[in-house]
Amino acid sequence: MPSKNQRLAAEQYSIVGNVAFFTIHAYKGCTPFVAAELNEAVIETLLAERLRLSIELYAYCLMPDHLHCLLYTSPSPRDRTRS
């Protein structure tokens, strides 16, 4: 059985143009994402970071104890002019 904490090689996280799926789990069975105020803050932050980092956010799913994200790391506007 694979370990729960599977990670890509560090350099994979900096490659522009990848589609990535990831899950963020709460600490040891906690269910923090049942509080509406926290959920709103998490989603607001996720959407703001999407714009700041030039990421195309295809989908996200906020569950009581974890968050799933599917995104594309698009080139930043500055990088696009260099191509």
PDB file of N, CA and C in Angstrom:
ATOM      1  N   MET A   1       0.855  -1.178   0.000  1.00  0.00           N
ATOM      2  CA  MET A   1       0.000   0.000   0.000  1.00  0.00           C
ATOM      3  C   MET A   1       0.904   1.246   0.000  1.00  0.00           C
ATOM      4  N   PRO A   2       0.645   2.225  -0.912  1.00  0.00           N
ATOM      5  CA  PRO A   2       1.482   3.426  -0.944  1.00  0.00           C
ATOM      6  C   PRO A   2       1.294   4.261   0.317  1.00  0.00           C
ATOM      7  N   SER A   3       2.351   5.010   0.650  1.00  0.00           N
ATOM      8  CA  SER A   3       2.240   5.885   1.814  1.00  0.00           C
ATOM      9  C   SER A   3       1.243   6.998   1.524  1.00  0.00           C
ATOM     10  N   LYS A   4       0.682   7.578   2.570  1.00  0.00           N
ATOM     11  CA  LYS A   4      -0.291   8.653   2.397  1.00  0.00           C
ATOM     12  C   LYS A   4       0.360   9.943   1.913  1.00  0.00           C
ATOM     13  N   ASN A   5       1.595  10.165   2.290  1.00  0.00           N
ATOM     14  CA  ASN A   5       2.256  11.421   1.976  1.00  0.00           C
ATOM     15  C   ASN A   5       3.111  11.254   0.723  1.00  0.00           C
ATOM     16  N   GLN A   6       2.483  11.278  -0.433  1.00  0.00           N
ATOM     17  CA  GLN A   6       3.189  11.126  -1.700  1.00  0.00           C
ATOM     18  C   GLN A   6       3.488  12.498  -2.274  1.00  0.00           C
ATOM     19  N   ARG A   7       4.732  12.719  -2.631  1.00  0.00           N
ATOM     20  CA  ARG A   7       5.136  14.020  -3.173  1.00  0.00           C
ATOM     21  C   ARG A   7       5.950  13.831  -4.439  1.00  0.00           C
ATOM     22  N   LEU A   8       5.835  14.796  -5.325  1.00  0.00           N
ATOM     23  CA  LEU A   8       6.674  14.820  -6.513  1.00  0.00           C
ATOM     24  C   LEU A   8       8.064  15.304  -6.131  1.00  0.00           C
ATOM     25  N   ALA A   9       9.002  15.126  -7.027  1.00  0.00           N
ATOM     26  CA  ALA A   9      10.332  15.699  -6.824  1.00  0.00           C
ATOM     27  C   ALA A   9      10.188  17.220  -6.741  1.00  0.00           C
ATOM     28  N   ALA A  10      10.996  17.860  -5.932  1.00  0.00           N
ATOM     29  CA  ALA A  10      10.875  19.300  -5.657  1.00  0.00           C
ATOM     30  C   ALA A  10      10.840  20.144  -6.929  1.00  0.00           C
ATOM     31  N   GLU A  11      11.642  19.803  -7.931  1.00  0.00           N
ATOM     32  CA  GLU A  11      11.690  20.614  -9.152  1.00  0.00           C
ATOM     33  C   GLU A  11      10.381  20.572  -9.941  1.00  0.00           C
ATOM     34  N   GLN A  12       9.563  19.537  -9.732  1.00  0.00           N
ATOM     35  CA  GLN A  12       8.288  19.436 -10.440  1.00  0.00           C
ATOM     36  C   GLN A  12       7.318  20.552 -10.046  1.00  0.00           C
ATOM     37  N   TYR A  13       7.467  21.084  -8.845  1.00  0.00           N
ATOM     38  CA  TYR A  13       6.553  22.124  -8.371  1.00  0.00           C
ATOM     39  C   TYR A  13       6.817  23.486  -9.001  1.00  0.00           C
ATOM     40  N   SER A  14       7.933  23.652  -9.680  1.00  0.00           N
ATOM     41  CA  SER A  14       8.246  24.944 -10.286  1.00  0.00           C
ATOM     42  C   SER A  14       8.105  24.937 -11.806  1.00  0.00           C
ATOM     43  N   ILE A  15       7.649  23.834 -12.391  1.00  0.00           N
ATOM     44  CA  ILE A  15       7.494  23.753 -13.844  1.00  0.00           C
ATOM     45  C   ILE A  15       6.197  24.454 -14.250  1.00  0.00           C
ATOM     46  N   VAL A  16       6.330  25.412 -15.162  1.00  0.00           N
ATOM     47  CA  VAL A  16       5.173  26.131 -15.679  1.00  0.00           C
ATOM     48  C   VAL A  16       4.558  25.294 -16.794  1.00  0.00           C
ATOM     49  N   GLY A  17       3.248  25.248 -16.851  1.00  0.00           N
ATOM     50  CA  GLY A  17       2.555  24.524 -17.902  1.00  0.00           C
ATOM     51  C   GLY A  17       2.114  23.135 -17.492  1.00  0.00           C
ATOM     52  N   ASN A  18       2.144  22.824 -16.224  1.00  0.00           N
ATOM     53  CA  ASN A  18       1.683  21.532 -15.716  1.00  0.00           C
ATOM     54  C   ASN A  18       0.255  21.630 -15.212  1.00  0.00           C
ATOM     55  N   VAL A  19      -0.487  20.551 -15.364  1.00  0.00           N
ATOM     56  CA  VAL A  19      -1.776  20.413 -14.695  1.00  0.00           C
ATOM     57  C   VAL A  19      -1.493  19.620 -13.433  1.00  0.00           C
ATOM     58  N   ALA A  20      -2.032  20.086 -12.322  1.00  0.00           N
ATOM     59  CA  ALA A  20      -1.753  19.434 -11.039  1.00  0.00           C
ATOM     60  C   ALA A  20      -3.048  19.220 -10.266  1.00  0.00           C
ATOM     61  N   PHE A  21      -3.100  18.097  -9.582  1.00  0.00           N
ATOM     62  CA  PHE A  21      -4.184  17.807  -8.648  1.00  0.00           C
ATOM     63  C   PHE A  21      -3.543  17.617  -7.292  1.00  0.00           C
ATOM     64  N   PHE A  22      -4.067  18.267  -6.279  1.00  0.00           N
ATOM     65  CA  PHE A  22      -3.536  18.046  -4.939  1.00  0.00           C
ATOM     66  C   PHE A  22      -4.650  18.094  -3.910  1.00  0.00           C
ATOM     67  N   THR A  23      -4.346  17.508  -2.771  1.00  0.00           N
ATOM     68  CA  THR A  23      -5.264  17.476  -1.640  1.00  0.00           C
ATOM     69  C   THR A  23      -4.542  17.980  -0.406  1.00  0.00           C
ATOM     70  N   ILE A  24      -5.196  18.833   0.345  1.00  0.00           N
ATOM     71  CA  ILE A  24      -4.671  19.319   1.610  1.00  0.00           C
ATOM     72  C   ILE A  24      -5.589  18.790   2.708  1.00  0.00           C
ATOM     73  N   HIS A  25      -5.024  18.019   3.627  1.00  0.00           N
ATOM     74  CA  HIS A  25      -5.795  17.421   4.711  1.00  0.00           C
ATOM     75  C   HIS A  25      -5.656  18.230   5.998  1.00  0.00           C
ATOM     76  N   ALA A  26      -6.709  18.258   6.775  1.00  0.00           N
ATOM     77  CA  ALA A  26      -6.662  18.873   8.103  1.00  0.00           C
ATOM     78  C   ALA A  26      -5.846  17.980   9.033  1.00  0.00           C
ATOM     79  N   TYR A  27      -5.440  18.534  10.127  1.00  0.00           N
ATOM     80  CA  TYR A  27      -4.609  17.834  11.104  1.00  0.00           C
ATOM     81  C   TYR A  27      -5.378  16.733  11.813  1.00  0.00           C
ATOM     82  N   LYS A  28      -4.902  15.531  11.736  1.00  0.00           N
ATOM     83  CA  LYS A  28      -5.367  14.361  12.502  1.00  0.00           C
ATOM     84  C   LYS A  28      -6.872  14.293  12.743  1.00  0.00           C
ATOM     85  N   GLY A  29      -7.608  14.248  11.674  1.00  0.00           N
ATOM     86  CA  GLY A  29      -9.045  14.028  11.808  1.00  0.00           C
ATOM     87  C   GLY A  29      -9.872  15.236  12.203  1.00  0.00           C
ATOM     88  N   CYS A  30      -9.266  16.403  12.285  1.00  0.00           N
ATOM     89  CA  CYS A  30     -10.045  17.608  12.581  1.00  0.00           C
ATOM     90  C   CYS A  30     -10.946  17.929  11.389  1.00  0.00           C
ATOM     91  N   THR A  31     -12.020  18.610  11.632  1.00  0.00           N
ATOM     92  CA  THR A  31     -12.937  19.012  10.557  1.00  0.00           C
ATOM     93  C   THR A  31     -13.141  20.530  10.582  1.00  0.00           C
ATOM     94  N   PRO A  32     -12.107  21.275  10.207  1.00  0.00           N
ATOM     95  CA  PRO A  32     -12.212  22.739  10.287  1.00  0.00           C
ATOM     96  C   PRO A  32     -13.121  23.348   9.226  1.00  0.00           C
ATOM     97  N   PHE A  33     -13.348  22.626   8.129  1.00  0.00           N
ATOM     98  CA  PHE A  33     -14.090  23.220   7.027  1.00  0.00           C
ATOM     99  C   PHE A  33     -15.594  22.981   7.131  1.00  0.00           C
ATOM    100  N   VAL A  34     -16.084  23.005   8.338  1.00  0.00           N
ATOM    101  CA  VAL A  34     -17.525  22.988   8.571  1.00  0.00           C
ATOM    102  C   VAL A  34     -17.996  24.368   9.031  1.00  0.00           C
ATOM    103  N   ALA A  35     -17.038  25.265   9.252  1.00  0.00           N
ATOM    104  CA  ALA A  35     -17.345  26.633   9.685  1.00  0.00           C
ATOM    105  C   ALA A  35     -17.435  27.540   8.452  1.00  0.00           C
ATOM    106  N   ALA A  36     -18.598  28.124   8.243  1.00  0.00           N
ATOM    107  CA  ALA A  36     -18.837  28.943   7.050  1.00  0.00           C
ATOM    108  C   ALA A  36     -17.824  30.079   6.899  1.00  0.00           C
ATOM    109  N   GLU A  37     -17.478  30.751   7.991  1.00  0.00           N
ATOM    110  CA  GLU A  37     -16.534  31.867   7.905  1.00  0.00           C
ATOM    111  C   GLU A  37     -15.157  31.401   7.438  1.00  0.00           C
ATOM    112  N   LEU A  38     -14.685  30.277   7.944  1.00  0.00           N
ATOM    113  CA  LEU A  38     -13.391  29.747   7.515  1.00  0.00           C
ATOM    114  C   LEU A  38     -13.459  29.322   6.054  1.00  0.00           C
ATOM    115  N   ASN A  39     -14.539  28.671   5.662  1.00  0.00           N
ATOM    116  CA  ASN A  39     -14.687  28.243   4.277  1.00  0.00           C
ATOM    117  C   ASN A  39     -14.626  29.430   3.323  1.00  0.00           C
ATOM    118  N   GLU A  40     -15.317  30.494   3.672  1.00  0.00           N
ATOM    119  CA  GLU A  40     -15.292  31.698   2.837  1.00  0.00           C
ATOM    120  C   GLU A  40     -13.881  32.272   2.742  1.00  0.00           C
ATOM    121  N   ALA A  41     -13.161  32.285   3.847  1.00  0.00           N
ATOM    122  CA  ALA A  41     -11.795  32.802   3.849  1.00  0.00           C
ATOM    123  C   ALA A  41     -10.865  31.923   3.007  1.00  0.00           C
ATOM    124  N   VAL A  42     -11.025  30.616   3.107  1.00  0.00           N
ATOM    125  CA  VAL A  42     -10.202  29.693   2.319  1.00  0.00           C
ATOM    126  C   VAL A  42     -10.456  29.901   0.831  1.00  0.00           C
ATOM    127  N   ILE A  43     -11.718  29.972   0.443  1.00  0.00           N
ATOM    128  CA  ILE A  43     -12.063  30.146  -0.972  1.00  0.00           C
ATOM    129  C   ILE A  43     -11.604  31.504  -1.474  1.00  0.00           C
ATOM    130  N   GLU A  44     -11.796  32.542  -0.676  1.00  0.00           N
ATOM    131  CA  GLU A  44     -11.348  33.882  -1.059  1.00  0.00           C
ATOM    132  C   GLU A  44      -9.834  33.904  -1.277  1.00  0.00           C
ATOM    133  N   THR A  45      -9.100  33.269  -0.382  1.00  0.00           N
ATOM    134  CA  THR A  45      -7.642  33.206  -0.507  1.00  0.00           C
ATOM    135  C   THR A  45      -7.234  32.398  -1.726  1.00  0.00           C
ATOM    136  N   LEU A  46      -7.884  31.284  -1.947  1.00  0.00           N
ATOM    137  CA  LEU A  46      -7.595  30.446  -3.109  1.00  0.00           C
ATOM    138  C   LEU A  46      -7.803  31.226  -4.407  1.00  0.00           C
ATOM    139  N   LEU A  47      -8.886  31.947  -4.509  1.00  0.00           N
ATOM    140  CA  LEU A  47      -9.169  32.723  -5.710  1.00  0.00           C
ATOM    141  C   LEU A  47      -8.202  33.892  -5.881  1.00  0.00           C
ATOM    142  N   ALA A  48      -7.822  34.539  -4.789  1.00  0.00           N
ATOM    143  CA  ALA A  48      -6.860  35.638  -4.863  1.00  0.00           C
ATOM    144  C   ALA A  48      -5.476  35.132  -5.294  1.00  0.00           C
ATOM    145  N   GLU A  49      -5.059  34.012  -4.740  1.00  0.00           N
ATOM    146  CA  GLU A  49      -3.757  33.446  -5.103  1.00  0.00           C
ATOM    147  C   GLU A  49      -3.744  32.964  -6.552  1.00  0.00           C
ATOM    148  N   ARG A  50      -4.878  32.514  -7.021  1.00  0.00           N
ATOM    149  CA  ARG A  50      -4.993  32.110  -8.427  1.00  0.00           C
ATOM    150  C   ARG A  50      -4.636  33.277  -9.334  1.00  0.00           C
ATOM    151  N   LEU A  51      -5.142  34.444  -9.028  1.00  0.00           N
ATOM    152  CA  LEU A  51      -4.837  35.634  -9.822  1.00  0.00           C
ATOM    153  C   LEU A  51      -3.397  36.080  -9.635  1.00  0.00           C
ATOM    154  N   ARG A  52      -2.936  36.105  -8.412  1.00  0.00           N
ATOM    155  CA  ARG A  52      -1.576  36.570  -8.116  1.00  0.00           C
ATOM    156  C   ARG A  52      -0.512  35.698  -8.766  1.00  0.00           C
ATOM    157  N   LEU A  53      -0.752  34.391  -8.813  1.00  0.00           N
ATOM    158  CA  LEU A  53       0.245  33.453  -9.318  1.00  0.00           C
ATOM    159  C   LEU A  53       0.012  33.032 -10.770  1.00  0.00           C
ATOM    160  N   SER A  54      -0.957  33.639 -11.442  1.00  0.00           N
ATOM    161  CA  SER A  54      -1.294  33.291 -12.836  1.00  0.00           C
ATOM    162  C   SER A  54      -1.599  31.802 -12.987  1.00  0.00           C
ATOM    163  N   ILE A  55      -2.439  31.300 -12.105  1.00  0.00           N
ATOM    164  CA  ILE A  55      -2.836  29.891 -12.122  1.00  0.00           C
ATOM    165  C   ILE A  55      -4.268  29.804 -12.634  1.00  0.00           C
ATOM    166  N   GLU A  56      -4.522  28.848 -13.509  1.00  0.00           N
ATOM    167  CA  GLU A  56      -5.890  28.570 -13.931  1.00  0.00           C
ATOM    168  C   GLU A  56      -6.438  27.507 -12.993  1.00  0.00           C
ATOM    169  N   LEU A  57      -7.404  27.880 -12.210  1.00  0.00           N
ATOM    170  CA  LEU A  57      -8.020  26.967 -11.257  1.00  0.00           C
ATOM    171  C   LEU A  57      -9.186  26.278 -11.952  1.00  0.00           C
ATOM    172  N   TYR A  58      -9.008  25.002 -12.306  1.00  0.00           N
ATOM    173  CA  TYR A  58     -10.054  24.269 -13.010  1.00  0.00           C
ATOM    174  C   TYR A  58     -11.174  23.854 -12.072  1.00  0.00           C
ATOM    175  N   ALA A  59     -10.822  23.411 -10.873  1.00  0.00           N
ATOM    176  CA  ALA A  59     -11.849  22.960  -9.932  1.00  0.00           C
ATOM    177  C   ALA A  59     -11.268  22.914  -8.523  1.00  0.00           C
ATOM    178  N   TYR A  60     -12.145  23.080  -7.548  1.00  0.00           N
ATOM    179  CA  TYR A  60     -11.774  22.841  -6.158  1.00  0.00           C
ATOM    180  C   TYR A  60     -12.984  22.261  -5.455  1.00  0.00           C
ATOM    181  N   CYS A  61     -12.715  21.503  -4.410  1.00  0.00           N
ATOM    182  CA  CYS A  61     -13.785  20.890  -3.627  1.00  0.00           C
ATOM    183  C   CYS A  61     -13.380  20.956  -2.160  1.00  0.00           C
ATOM    184  N   LEU A  62     -14.082  21.741  -1.413  1.00  0.00           N
ATOM    185  CA  LEU A  62     -13.792  21.907   0.010  1.00  0.00           C
ATOM    186  C   LEU A  62     -14.693  20.960   0.790  1.00  0.00           C
ATOM    187  N   MET A  63     -14.072  20.003   1.458  1.00  0.00           N
ATOM    188  CA  MET A  63     -14.776  18.984   2.236  1.00  0.00           C
ATOM    189  C   MET A  63     -14.555  19.284   3.727  1.00  0.00           C
ATOM    190  N   PRO A  64     -15.276  18.641   4.636  1.00  0.00           N
ATOM    191  CA  PRO A  64     -15.120  18.957   6.061  1.00  0.00           C
ATOM    192  C   PRO A  64     -13.686  18.850   6.592  1.00  0.00           C
ATOM    193  N   ASP A  65     -12.900  17.901   6.061  1.00  0.00           N
ATOM    194  CA  ASP A  65     -11.543  17.714   6.596  1.00  0.00           C
ATOM    195  C   ASP A  65     -10.432  17.822   5.563  1.00  0.00           C
ATOM    196  N   HIS A  66     -10.761  18.258   4.329  1.00  0.00           N
ATOM    197  CA  HIS A  66      -9.726  18.400   3.315  1.00  0.00           C
ATOM    198  C   HIS A  66     -10.195  19.275   2.154  1.00  0.00           C
ATOM    199  N   LEU A  67      -9.220  19.666   1.328  1.00  0.00           N
ATOM    200  CA  LEU A  67      -9.468  20.495   0.150  1.00  0.00           C
ATOM    201  C   LEU A  67      -8.812  19.825  -1.045  1.00  0.00           C
ATOM    202  N   HIS A  68      -9.564  19.641  -2.137  1.00  0.00           N
ATOM    203  CA  HIS A  68      -9.023  19.148  -3.396  1.00  0.00           C
ATOM    204  C   HIS A  68      -8.913  20.324  -4.355  1.00  0.00           C
ATOM    205  N   CYS A  69      -7.838  20.363  -5.148  1.00  0.00           N
ATOM    206  CA  CYS A  69      -7.676  21.389  -6.176  1.00  0.00           C
ATOM    207  C   CYS A  69      -7.149  20.762  -7.455  1.00  0.00           C
ATOM    208  N   LEU A  70      -7.648  21.249  -8.576  1.00  0.00           N
ATOM    209  CA  LEU A  70      -7.145  20.881  -9.894  1.00  0.00           C
ATOM    210  C   LEU A  70      -6.808  22.189 -10.588  1.00  0.00           C
ATOM    211  N   LEU A  71      -5.553  22.353 -10.972  1.00  0.00           N
ATOM    212  CA  LEU A  71      -5.128  23.628 -11.533  1.00  0.00           C
ATOM    213  C   LEU A  71      -4.084  23.453 -12.627  1.00  0.00           C
ATOM    214  N   TYR A  72      -3.890  24.532 -13.354  1.00  0.00           N
ATOM    215  CA  TYR A  72      -2.894  24.597 -14.423  1.00  0.00           C
ATOM    216  C   TYR A  72      -1.969  25.764 -14.113  1.00  0.00           C
ATOM    217  N   THR A  73      -0.688  25.514 -14.132  1.00  0.00           N
ATOM    218  CA  THR A  73       0.287  26.569 -13.840  1.00  0.00           C
ATOM    219  C   THR A  73       0.652  27.263 -15.144  1.00  0.00           C
ATOM    220  N   SER A  74      -0.126  28.266 -15.495  1.00  0.00           N
ATOM    221  CA  SER A  74       0.095  28.988 -16.746  1.00  0.00           C
ATOM    222  C   SER A  74       1.257  29.964 -16.588  1.00  0.00           C
ATOM    223  N   PRO A  75       1.914  30.281 -17.703  1.00  0.00           N
ATOM    224  CA  PRO A  75       3.000  31.268 -17.628  1.00  0.00           C
ATOM    225  C   PRO A  75       2.456  32.618 -17.163  1.00  0.00           C
ATOM    226  N   SER A  76       3.272  33.344 -16.421  1.00  0.00           N
ATOM    227  CA  SER A  76       2.862  34.679 -15.992  1.00  0.00           C
ATOM    228  C   SER A  76       2.878  35.592 -17.211  1.00  0.00           C
ATOM    229  N   PRO A  77       2.163  36.720 -17.178  1.00  0.00           N
ATOM    230  CA  PRO A  77       2.182  37.639 -18.323  1.00  0.00           C
ATOM    231  C   PRO A  77       3.604  38.043 -18.701  1.00  0.00           C
ATOM    232  N   ARG A  78       4.464  38.235 -17.732  1.00  0.00           N
ATOM    233  CA  ARG A  78       5.854  38.599 -18.006  1.00  0.00           C
ATOM    234  C   ARG A  78       6.560  37.484 -18.784  1.00  0.00           C
ATOM    235  N   ASP A  79       6.324  36.229 -18.399  1.00  0.00           N
ATOM    236  CA  ASP A  79       6.955  35.100 -19.075  1.00  0.00           C
ATOM    237  C   ASP A  79       6.410  34.915 -20.482  1.00  0.00           C
ATOM    238  N   ARG A  80       5.135  35.222 -20.690  1.00  0.00           N
ATOM    239  CA  ARG A  80       4.544  35.048 -22.013  1.00  0.00           C
ATOM    240  C   ARG A  80       5.184  35.976 -23.042  1.00  0.00           C
ATOM    241  N   THR A  81       5.616  37.150 -22.628  1.00  0.00           N
ATOM    242  CA  THR A  81       6.233  38.084 -23.570  1.00  0.00           C
ATOM    243  C   THR A  81       7.630  37.654 -23.952  1.00  0.00           C
ATOM    244  N   ARG A  82       8.243  36.760 -23.183  1.00  0.00           N
ATOM    245  CA  ARG A  82       9.590  36.270 -23.479  1.00  0.00           C
ATOM    246  C   ARG A  82       9.576  35.132 -24.485  1.00  0.00           C
ATOM    247  N   SER A  83       8.442  34.514 -24.730  1.00  0.00           N
ATOM    248  CA  SER A  83       8.374  33.347 -25.629  1.00  0.00           C
ATOM    249  C   SER A  83       8.551  33.738 -27.063  1.00  0.00           C
TER     250      SER A  83
END
